[in-house]
C-alpha atoms as a PDB file:
ATOM      1  CA  MET A   1      -7.459  17.720  15.600  1.00  0.00           C
ATOM      2  CA  SER A   2      -9.523  14.647  16.346  1.00  0.00           C
ATOM      3  CA  ALA A   3      -8.355  11.118  15.707  1.00  0.00           C
ATOM      4  CA  SER A   4      -9.935   9.583  12.651  1.00  0.00           C
ATOM      5  CA  ILE A   5     -11.702   6.269  12.826  1.00  0.00           C
ATOM      6  CA  LYS A   6     -10.278   3.696  10.438  1.00  0.00           C
ATOM      7  CA  GLU A   7     -12.524   1.245   8.632  1.00  0.00           C
ATOM      8  CA  THR A   8     -11.606  -1.817   6.603  1.00  0.00           C
ATOM      9  CA  THR A   9     -13.235  -2.057   3.208  1.00  0.00           C
ATOM     10  CA  SER A  10     -13.004  -4.265   0.163  1.00  0.00           C
ATOM     11  CA  ILE A  11     -12.767  -2.940  -3.379  1.00  0.00           C
ATOM     12  CA  LYS A  12     -11.947  -4.582  -6.694  1.00  0.00           C
ATOM     13  CA  LEU A  13      -8.916  -3.062  -8.399  1.00  0.00           C
ATOM     14  CA  ASP A  14      -7.098  -3.641 -11.652  1.00  0.00           C
ATOM     15  CA  LYS A  15      -4.161  -5.796 -10.474  1.00  0.00           C
ATOM     16  CA  GLN A  16      -1.558  -4.364 -12.843  1.00  0.00           C
ATOM     17  CA  ALA A  17      -2.550  -0.762 -12.059  1.00  0.00           C
ATOM     18  CA  LYS A  18      -2.525  -1.498  -8.322  1.00  0.00           C
ATOM     19  CA  ASP A  19       0.862  -3.226  -8.372  1.00  0.00           C
ATOM     20  CA  SER A  20       2.447  -0.416 -10.400  1.00  0.00           C
ATOM     21  CA  ALA A  21       0.933   2.257  -8.162  1.00  0.00           C
ATOM     22  CA  LYS A  22       2.119   0.472  -5.005  1.00  0.00           C
ATOM     23  CA  LEU A  23       5.711   0.838  -6.209  1.00  0.00           C
ATOM     24  CA  ILE A  24       5.208   4.577  -6.632  1.00  0.00           C
ATOM     25  CA  PHE A  25       3.511   4.904  -3.248  1.00  0.00           C
ATOM     26  CA  LYS A  26       6.398   3.001  -1.637  1.00  0.00           C
ATOM     27  CA  ALA A  27       8.895   5.415  -3.205  1.00  0.00           C
ATOM     28  CA  LEU A  28       6.816   8.266  -1.777  1.00  0.00           C
ATOM     29  CA  GLY A  29       6.770   6.632   1.665  1.00  0.00           C
ATOM     30  CA  MET A  30       3.031   5.933   1.487  1.00  0.00           C
ATOM     31  CA  THR A  31       0.905   2.835   1.787  1.00  0.00           C
ATOM     32  CA  MET A  32      -1.984   1.993  -0.506  1.00  0.00           C
ATOM     33  CA  GLY A  33      -4.302   2.961   2.358  1.00  0.00           C
ATOM     34  CA  ASP A  34      -2.566   6.334   2.739  1.00  0.00           C
ATOM     35  CA  ALA A  35      -3.007   6.987  -0.987  1.00  0.00           C
ATOM     36  CA  VAL A  36      -6.687   6.023  -0.987  1.00  0.00           C
ATOM     37  CA  ASN A  37      -7.317   8.204   2.070  1.00  0.00           C
ATOM     38  CA  LEU A  38      -5.511  11.102   0.377  1.00  0.00           C
ATOM     39  CA  PHE A  39      -7.718  10.644  -2.683  1.00  0.00           C
ATOM     40  CA  LEU A  40     -10.887  10.544  -0.556  1.00  0.00           C
ATOM     41  CA  HIS A  41      -9.877  13.687   1.349  1.00  0.00           C
ATOM     42  CA  GLN A  42      -9.257  15.471  -1.949  1.00  0.00           C
ATOM     43  CA  VAL A  43     -12.660  14.349  -3.273  1.00  0.00           C
ATOM     44  CA  ASN A  44     -14.241  15.908  -0.203  1.00  0.00           C
ATOM     45  CA  LEU A  45     -12.201  19.120  -0.446  1.00  0.00           C
ATOM     46  CA  GLN A  46     -12.823  19.520  -4.175  1.00  0.00           C
ATOM     47  CA  GLN A  47     -16.419  18.297  -3.991  1.00  0.00           C
ATOM     48  CA  GLY A  48     -15.676  15.991  -6.917  1.00  0.00           C
ATOM     49  CA  ILE A  49     -12.948  14.011  -8.607  1.00  0.00           C
ATOM     50  CA  PRO A  50      -9.711  15.938  -7.889  1.00  0.00           C
ATOM     51  CA  PHE A  51      -8.479  15.813 -11.489  1.00  0.00           C
ATOM     52  CA  ASP A  52      -9.968  16.391 -14.919  1.00  0.00           C
ATOM     53  CA  ILE A  53     -11.738  13.495 -16.584  1.00  0.00           C
ATOM     54  CA  LYS A  54     -12.415  14.278 -20.197  1.00  0.00           C
ATOM     55  CA  LEU A  55     -13.324  12.488 -23.351  1.00  0.00           C
ATOM     56  CA  PRO A  56     -10.556  12.819 -25.941  1.00  0.00           C
ATOM     57  CA  ASN A  57     -11.116  15.235 -28.800  1.00  0.00           C
ATOM     58  CA  ALA A  58     -11.711  13.821 -32.298  1.00  0.00           C
ATOM     59  CA  THR A  59      -8.035  13.967 -33.304  1.00  0.00           C
ATOM     60  CA  THR A  60      -6.833  12.221 -30.155  1.00  0.00           C
ATOM     61  CA  GLN A  61      -9.583   9.602 -30.440  1.00  0.00           C
ATOM     62  CA  GLN A  62      -8.554   8.890 -34.035  1.00  0.00           C
ATOM     63  CA  VAL A  63      -4.923   8.403 -32.973  1.00  0.00           C
ATOM     64  CA  ILE A  64      -6.033   6.045 -30.186  1.00  0.00           C
ATOM     65  CA  ASP A  65      -8.215   4.055 -32.600  1.00  0.00           C
ATOM     66  CA  ASP A  66      -5.400   3.895 -35.167  1.00  0.00           C
ATOM     67  CA  ALA A  67      -2.931   2.664 -32.533  1.00  0.00           C
ATOM     68  CA  ARG A  68      -5.350  -0.013 -31.347  1.00  0.00           C
ATOM     69  CA  HIS A  69      -5.636  -1.245 -34.934  1.00  0.00           C
ATOM     70  CA  GLY A  70      -1.916  -0.991 -35.710  1.00  0.00           C
ATOM     71  CA  VAL A  71      -2.415   1.874 -38.174  1.00  0.00           C
ATOM     72  CA  ASN A  72       0.336   4.509 -38.579  1.00  0.00           C
ATOM     73  CA  ILE A  73       2.537   2.658 -36.107  1.00  0.00           C
ATOM     74  CA  ASP A  74       6.244   2.318 -36.827  1.00  0.00           C
ATOM     75  CA  ASP A  75       8.404  -0.278 -35.131  1.00  0.00           C
ATOM     76  CA  PHE A  76      11.364   1.160 -33.266  1.00  0.00           C
ATOM     77  CA  SER A  77      13.957  -0.043 -30.837  1.00  0.00           C
ATOM     78  CA  LEU A  78      15.331   1.408 -27.645  1.00  0.00           C
ATOM     79  CA  ASP A  79      18.517   2.202 -29.575  1.00  0.00           C
ATOM     80  CA  ASP A  80      16.436   4.232 -32.067  1.00  0.00           C
ATOM     81  CA  LEU A  81      15.065   6.286 -29.191  1.00  0.00           C
ATOM     82  CA  LYS A  82      18.531   6.885 -27.764  1.00  0.00           C
ATOM     83  CA  SER A  83      19.903   8.244 -31.033  1.00  0.00           C
END
Protein backbone atom coordinates (compact mmCIF):
# COMPACT_ATOMS: atom_id res chain seq x y z
CA MET A 1 0.00 0.00 0.00
CA SER A 2 1.48 3.32 -1.02
CA ALA A 3 1.60 6.35 1.23
CA SER A 4 -0.98 8.94 0.32
CA ILE A 5 -0.01 12.52 -0.32
CA LYS A 6 -1.82 14.97 1.93
CA GLU A 7 -2.96 18.34 0.63
CA THR A 8 -4.29 21.33 2.54
CA THR A 9 -7.49 22.82 1.19
CA SER A 10 -9.97 25.46 2.21
CA ILE A 11 -13.73 24.94 2.14
CA LYS A 12 -16.63 26.94 3.55
CA LEU A 13 -18.74 24.96 6.01
CA ASP A 14 -21.85 25.64 8.03
CA LYS A 15 -20.33 26.44 11.45
CA GLN A 16 -23.06 24.83 13.55
CA ALA A 17 -23.05 21.64 11.45
CA LYS A 18 -19.25 21.48 11.57
CA ASP A 19 -19.04 22.02 15.33
CA SER A 20 -21.70 19.38 16.02
CA ALA A 21 -20.05 16.89 13.66
CA LYS A 22 -16.62 17.47 15.24
CA LEU A 23 -18.01 16.27 18.57
CA ILE A 24 -19.23 13.07 16.93
CA PHE A 25 -15.94 12.55 15.10
CA LYS A 26 -14.06 13.04 18.38
CA ALA A 27 -16.22 10.37 20.05
CA LEU A 28 -15.38 8.08 17.13
CA GLY A 29 -11.66 8.84 17.48
CA MET A 30 -11.54 10.70 14.16
CA THR A 31 -10.48 14.17 13.11
CA MET A 32 -12.42 16.36 10.71
CA GLY A 33 -9.76 15.56 8.11
CA ASP A 34 -10.20 11.82 8.68
CA ALA A 35 -13.96 12.18 8.18
CA VAL A 36 -13.61 14.23 5.00
CA ASN A 37 -11.09 11.74 3.61
CA LEU A 38 -13.44 8.87 4.47
CA PHE A 39 -16.24 10.66 2.62
CA LEU A 40 -14.03 11.28 -0.43
CA HIS A 41 -12.91 7.64 -0.52
CA GLN A 42 -16.54 6.53 -0.38
CA VAL A 43 -17.45 8.93 -3.21
CA ASN A 44 -14.75 7.31 -5.31
CA LEU A 45 -15.77 3.76 -4.38
CA GLN A 46 -19.47 4.41 -4.96
CA GLN A 47 -18.88 6.63 -7.99
CA GLY A 48 -21.25 9.17 -6.46
CA ILE A 49 -22.56 10.51 -3.19
CA PRO A 50 -22.41 7.56 -0.75
CA PHE A 51 -25.94 8.08 0.58
CA ASP A 52 -29.35 8.78 -0.89
CA ILE A 53 -30.27 12.38 -1.60
CA LYS A 54 -33.94 12.67 -2.36
CA LEU A 55 -36.58 15.30 -2.55
CA PRO A 56 -39.28 14.70 0.06
CA ASN A 57 -42.58 13.28 -1.13
CA ALA A 58 -45.66 15.55 -1.13
CA THR A 59 -46.81 14.48 2.35
CA THR A 60 -43.40 15.01 3.93
CA GLN A 61 -42.99 18.36 2.15
CA GLN A 62 -46.38 19.49 3.48
CA VAL A 63 -45.37 18.56 7.04
CA ILE A 64 -42.09 20.47 6.63
CA ASP A 65 -43.92 23.53 5.28
CA ASP A 66 -46.49 23.36 8.09
CA ALA A 67 -43.75 23.13 10.72
CA ARG A 68 -41.91 26.10 9.23
CA HIS A 69 -45.12 28.12 9.47
CA GLY A 70 -46.07 26.89 12.95
CA VAL A 71 -49.09 24.95 11.66
CA ASN A 72 -50.17 21.74 13.45
CA ILE A 73 -47.43 22.21 16.04
CA ASP A 74 -48.20 21.52 19.68
CA ASP A 75 -46.05 22.86 22.49
CA PHE A 76 -44.67 20.18 24.78
CA SER A 77 -42.13 19.94 27.53
CA LEU A 78 -39.39 17.46 28.27
CA ASP A 79 -41.57 16.15 31.11
CA ASP A 80 -44.37 15.49 28.58
CA LEU A 81 -41.97 13.38 26.53
CA LYS A 82 -40.84 11.43 29.58
CA SER A 83 -44.38 10.46 30.57
